[in-house]
Amino acid sequence: MDKARRTRSNQRLRKVLDDRPRRIQMLLERGFIKNASEIPDDAIPIDPEFSTKAGLCIPAVCYQDIEFVCTDCGRPDFWSAGSQQHYFEISKASPYKQPKRCYDCRQQELARKTQAGAGSRHKSS
């Protein structure tokens, strides 16, 4: 991960951690959890406001780092809780998606698809 990406990720994480008490309070009020201790200290609680507005049923009450093995290169990698929060709440992606490629392989796949799409377009006259 390059320095700029790491800095942006850390800034997002700090903002979410500052919002942690509000998120936990909302989860308690809405009955998602019975006690604040259900959310681990290293996890980011979901924002129930987000899930209600988006009409989504979030499968978990918090985001935690997920370890996985890249299907392309076979290297172990992880999907950070902060990245998940951004992906689901900011990008509004499906909450049922799971990672399968590391960052480098995702970039290669994106480049491959872009190049394939550019080569197959019909030229207009």
C-alpha atoms as a PDB file:
ATOM      1  CA  MET A   1       0.000   0.000   0.000  1.00  0.00           C
ATOM      2  CA  ASP A   2       1.503   3.323  -0.989  1.00  0.00           C
ATOM      3  CA  LYS A   3       1.882   6.153   1.520  1.00  0.00           C
ATOM      4  CA  ALA A   4      -0.956   8.309   0.117  1.00  0.00           C
ATOM      5  CA  ARG A   5      -3.470   5.422   0.282  1.00  0.00           C
ATOM      6  CA  ARG A   6      -2.355   4.558   3.807  1.00  0.00           C
ATOM      7  CA  THR A   7      -2.777   8.181   4.914  1.00  0.00           C
ATOM      8  CA  ARG A   8      -6.309   8.417   3.438  1.00  0.00           C
ATOM      9  CA  SER A   9      -7.207   5.111   5.036  1.00  0.00           C
ATOM     10  CA  ASN A  10      -5.924   6.252   8.450  1.00  0.00           C
ATOM     11  CA  GLN A  11      -7.855   9.537   8.197  1.00  0.00           C
ATOM     12  CA  ARG A  12     -11.092   7.679   7.365  1.00  0.00           C
ATOM     13  CA  LEU A  13     -10.489   5.279  10.236  1.00  0.00           C
ATOM     14  CA  ARG A  14      -9.934   8.126  12.717  1.00  0.00           C
ATOM     15  CA  LYS A  15     -13.191   9.776  11.625  1.00  0.00           C
ATOM     16  CA  VAL A  16     -15.115   6.513  12.058  1.00  0.00           C
ATOM     17  CA  LEU A  17     -13.560   5.803  15.457  1.00  0.00           C
ATOM     18  CA  ASP A  18     -14.637   9.270  16.627  1.00  0.00           C
ATOM     19  CA  ASP A  19     -18.169   8.307  15.565  1.00  0.00           C
ATOM     20  CA  ARG A  20     -18.027   4.944  17.422  1.00  0.00           C
ATOM     21  CA  PRO A  21     -20.095   5.983  20.512  1.00  0.00           C
ATOM     22  CA  ARG A  22     -22.942   7.325  18.345  1.00  0.00           C
ATOM     23  CA  ARG A  23     -22.969   4.155  16.235  1.00  0.00           C
ATOM     24  CA  ILE A  24     -23.013   1.881  19.289  1.00  0.00           C
ATOM     25  CA  GLN A  25     -25.808   3.932  20.879  1.00  0.00           C
ATOM     26  CA  MET A  26     -27.907   3.614  17.712  1.00  0.00           C
ATOM     27  CA  LEU A  27     -27.288  -0.153  17.555  1.00  0.00           C
ATOM     28  CA  LEU A  28     -28.439  -0.439  21.180  1.00  0.00           C
ATOM     29  CA  GLU A  29     -31.547   1.694  20.624  1.00  0.00           C
ATOM     30  CA  ARG A  30     -32.598  -0.281  17.564  1.00  0.00           C
ATOM     31  CA  GLY A  31     -32.034  -3.657  19.190  1.00  0.00           C
ATOM     32  CA  PHE A  32     -29.190  -4.820  16.940  1.00  0.00           C
ATOM     33  CA  ILE A  33     -27.112  -5.482  20.071  1.00  0.00           C
ATOM     34  CA  LYS A  34     -27.973  -5.884  23.747  1.00  0.00           C
ATOM     35  CA  ASN A  35     -24.681  -4.647  25.192  1.00  0.00           C
ATOM     36  CA  ALA A  36     -21.848  -2.430  23.891  1.00  0.00           C
ATOM     37  CA  SER A  37     -19.355  -5.187  24.756  1.00  0.00           C
ATOM     38  CA  GLU A  38     -20.708  -7.184  21.781  1.00  0.00           C
ATOM     39  CA  ILE A  39     -18.661  -4.904  19.512  1.00  0.00           C
ATOM     40  CA  PRO A  40     -14.929  -5.754  19.778  1.00  0.00           C
ATOM     41  CA  ASP A  41     -12.565  -2.841  20.445  1.00  0.00           C
ATOM     42  CA  ASP A  42     -10.783  -3.338  17.112  1.00  0.00           C
ATOM     43  CA  ALA A  43     -14.048  -3.400  15.113  1.00  0.00           C
ATOM     44  CA  ILE A  44     -16.015  -0.586  13.511  1.00  0.00           C
ATOM     45  CA  PRO A  45     -19.751  -0.664  14.345  1.00  0.00           C
ATOM     46  CA  ILE A  46     -22.066  -0.383  11.354  1.00  0.00           C
ATOM     47  CA  ASP A  47     -24.104   2.767  10.936  1.00  0.00           C
ATOM     48  CA  PRO A  48     -27.749   1.632  11.235  1.00  0.00           C
ATOM     49  CA  GLU A  49     -28.809   4.966   9.710  1.00  0.00           C
ATOM     50  CA  PHE A  50     -27.006   3.954   6.528  1.00  0.00           C
ATOM     51  CA  SER A  51     -28.571   0.505   6.324  1.00  0.00           C
ATOM     52  CA  THR A  52     -32.079   1.893   6.880  1.00  0.00           C
ATOM     53  CA  LYS A  53     -31.718   4.591   4.221  1.00  0.00           C
ATOM     54  CA  ALA A  54     -30.217   2.173   1.718  1.00  0.00           C
ATOM     55  CA  GLY A  55     -32.852  -0.483   2.452  1.00  0.00           C
ATOM     56  CA  LEU A  56     -30.110  -2.998   3.157  1.00  0.00           C
ATOM     57  CA  CYS A  57     -29.943  -5.772   5.677  1.00  0.00           C
ATOM     58  CA  ILE A  58     -26.328  -5.693   6.857  1.00  0.00           C
ATOM     59  CA  PRO A  59     -25.311  -9.256   7.786  1.00  0.00           C
ATOM     60  CA  ALA A  60     -23.107  -8.158  10.723  1.00  0.00           C
ATOM     61  CA  VAL A  61     -23.206  -5.398  13.347  1.00  0.00           C
ATOM     62  CA  CYS A  62     -19.567  -4.416  12.887  1.00  0.00           C
ATOM     63  CA  TYR A  63     -16.750  -4.436  10.375  1.00  0.00           C
ATOM     64  CA  GLN A  64     -13.670  -6.458  11.307  1.00  0.00           C
ATOM     65  CA  ASP A  65     -10.498  -7.191   9.363  1.00  0.00           C
ATOM     66  CA  ILE A  66     -11.079 -10.160   7.057  1.00  0.00           C
ATOM     67  CA  GLU A  67      -8.215 -12.423   6.051  1.00  0.00           C
ATOM     68  CA  PHE A  68      -8.403 -14.101   2.646  1.00  0.00           C
ATOM     69  CA  VAL A  69      -6.207 -15.697  -0.010  1.00  0.00           C
ATOM     70  CA  CYS A  70      -6.026 -13.983  -3.406  1.00  0.00           C
ATOM     71  CA  THR A  71      -7.537 -16.236  -6.080  1.00  0.00           C
ATOM     72  CA  ASP A  72      -5.103 -14.974  -8.728  1.00  0.00           C
ATOM     73  CA  CYS A  73      -1.683 -14.956  -7.034  1.00  0.00           C
ATOM     74  CA  GLY A  74      -2.415 -17.105  -3.969  1.00  0.00           C
ATOM     75  CA  ARG A  75      -0.932 -14.631  -1.491  1.00  0.00           C
ATOM     76  CA  PRO A  76      -2.646 -14.150   1.866  1.00  0.00           C
ATOM     77  CA  ASP A  77      -4.118 -10.685   2.267  1.00  0.00           C
ATOM     78  CA  PHE A  78      -6.651  -8.890   4.452  1.00  0.00           C
ATOM     79  CA  TRP A  79      -9.515  -6.480   3.957  1.00  0.00           C
ATOM     80  CA  SER A  80      -9.370  -3.865   6.689  1.00  0.00           C
ATOM     81  CA  ALA A  81     -12.427  -2.837   8.682  1.00  0.00           C
ATOM     82  CA  GLY A  82     -11.962   0.763   7.537  1.00  0.00           C
ATOM     83  CA  SER A  83     -11.931  -0.270   3.883  1.00  0.00           C
ATOM     84  CA  GLN A  84     -15.083  -2.325   4.388  1.00  0.00           C
ATOM     85  CA  GLN A  85     -16.835   0.605   6.038  1.00  0.00           C
ATOM     86  CA  HIS A  86     -15.920   2.849   3.116  1.00  0.00           C
ATOM     87  CA  TYR A  87     -16.881   0.212   0.530  1.00  0.00           C
ATOM     88  CA  PHE A  88     -20.287  -0.530   2.008  1.00  0.00           C
ATOM     89  CA  GLU A  89     -21.340   2.826   3.479  1.00  0.00           C
ATOM     90  CA  ILE A  90     -19.693   5.357   1.175  1.00  0.00           C
ATOM     91  CA  SER A  91     -19.571   3.427  -2.114  1.00  0.00           C
ATOM     92  CA  LYS A  92     -22.931   1.762  -1.287  1.00  0.00           C
ATOM     93  CA  ALA A  93     -21.853  -1.668  -2.491  1.00  0.00           C
ATOM     94  CA  SER A  94     -23.726  -4.858  -1.686  1.00  0.00           C
ATOM     95  CA  PRO A  95     -23.116  -5.890   1.938  1.00  0.00           C
ATOM     96  CA  TYR A  96     -22.794  -9.517   0.855  1.00  0.00           C
ATOM     97  CA  LYS A  97     -19.650  -9.005  -1.246  1.00  0.00           C
ATOM     98  CA  GLN A  98     -16.412 -10.602  -0.087  1.00  0.00           C
ATOM     99  CA  PRO A  99     -12.908  -9.936  -1.409  1.00  0.00           C
ATOM    100  CA  LYS A 100     -11.186 -12.446  -3.659  1.00  0.00           C
ATOM    101  CA  ARG A 101      -8.230 -10.534  -5.128  1.00  0.00           C
ATOM    102  CA  CYS A 102      -5.434  -8.552  -3.481  1.00  0.00           C
ATOM    103  CA  TYR A 103      -4.956  -4.886  -4.404  1.00  0.00           C
ATOM    104  CA  ASP A 104      -2.275  -5.576  -7.051  1.00  0.00           C
ATOM    105  CA  CYS A 105      -4.331  -8.308  -8.749  1.00  0.00           C
ATOM    106  CA  ARG A 106      -7.467  -6.114  -8.683  1.00  0.00           C
ATOM    107  CA  GLN A 107      -5.529  -3.363 -10.458  1.00  0.00           C
ATOM    108  CA  GLN A 108      -4.242  -5.855 -13.064  1.00  0.00           C
ATOM    109  CA  GLU A 109      -7.751  -7.212 -13.636  1.00  0.00           C
ATOM    110  CA  LEU A 110      -9.147  -3.699 -14.010  1.00  0.00           C
ATOM    111  CA  ALA A 111      -6.437  -2.842 -16.542  1.00  0.00           C
ATOM    112  CA  ARG A 112      -7.145  -6.083 -18.445  1.00  0.00           C
ATOM    113  CA  LYS A 113     -10.879  -5.320 -18.619  1.00  0.00           C
ATOM    114  CA  THR A 114     -10.257  -1.723 -19.679  1.00  0.00           C
ATOM    115  CA  GLN A 115      -7.904  -2.830 -22.439  1.00  0.00           C
ATOM    116  CA  ALA A 116     -10.293  -5.569 -23.626  1.00  0.00           C
ATOM    117  CA  GLY A 117     -13.192  -3.098 -23.693  1.00  0.00           C
ATOM    118  CA  ALA A 118     -11.194  -0.508 -25.619  1.00  0.00           C
ATOM    119  CA  GLY A 119     -10.130  -3.065 -28.220  1.00  0.00           C
ATOM    120  CA  SER A 120     -13.659  -4.340 -28.858  1.00  0.00           C
ATOM    121  CA  ARG A 121     -15.426  -1.020 -29.397  1.00  0.00           C
ATOM    122  CA  HIS A 122     -16.743  -0.289 -32.832  1.00  0.00           C
ATOM    123  CA  LYS A 123     -15.365   2.783 -34.518  1.00  0.00           C
ATOM    124  CA  SER A 124     -17.919   5.386 -35.525  1.00  0.00           C
ATOM    125  CA  SER A 125     -17.663   7.034 -38.911  1.00  0.00           C
END
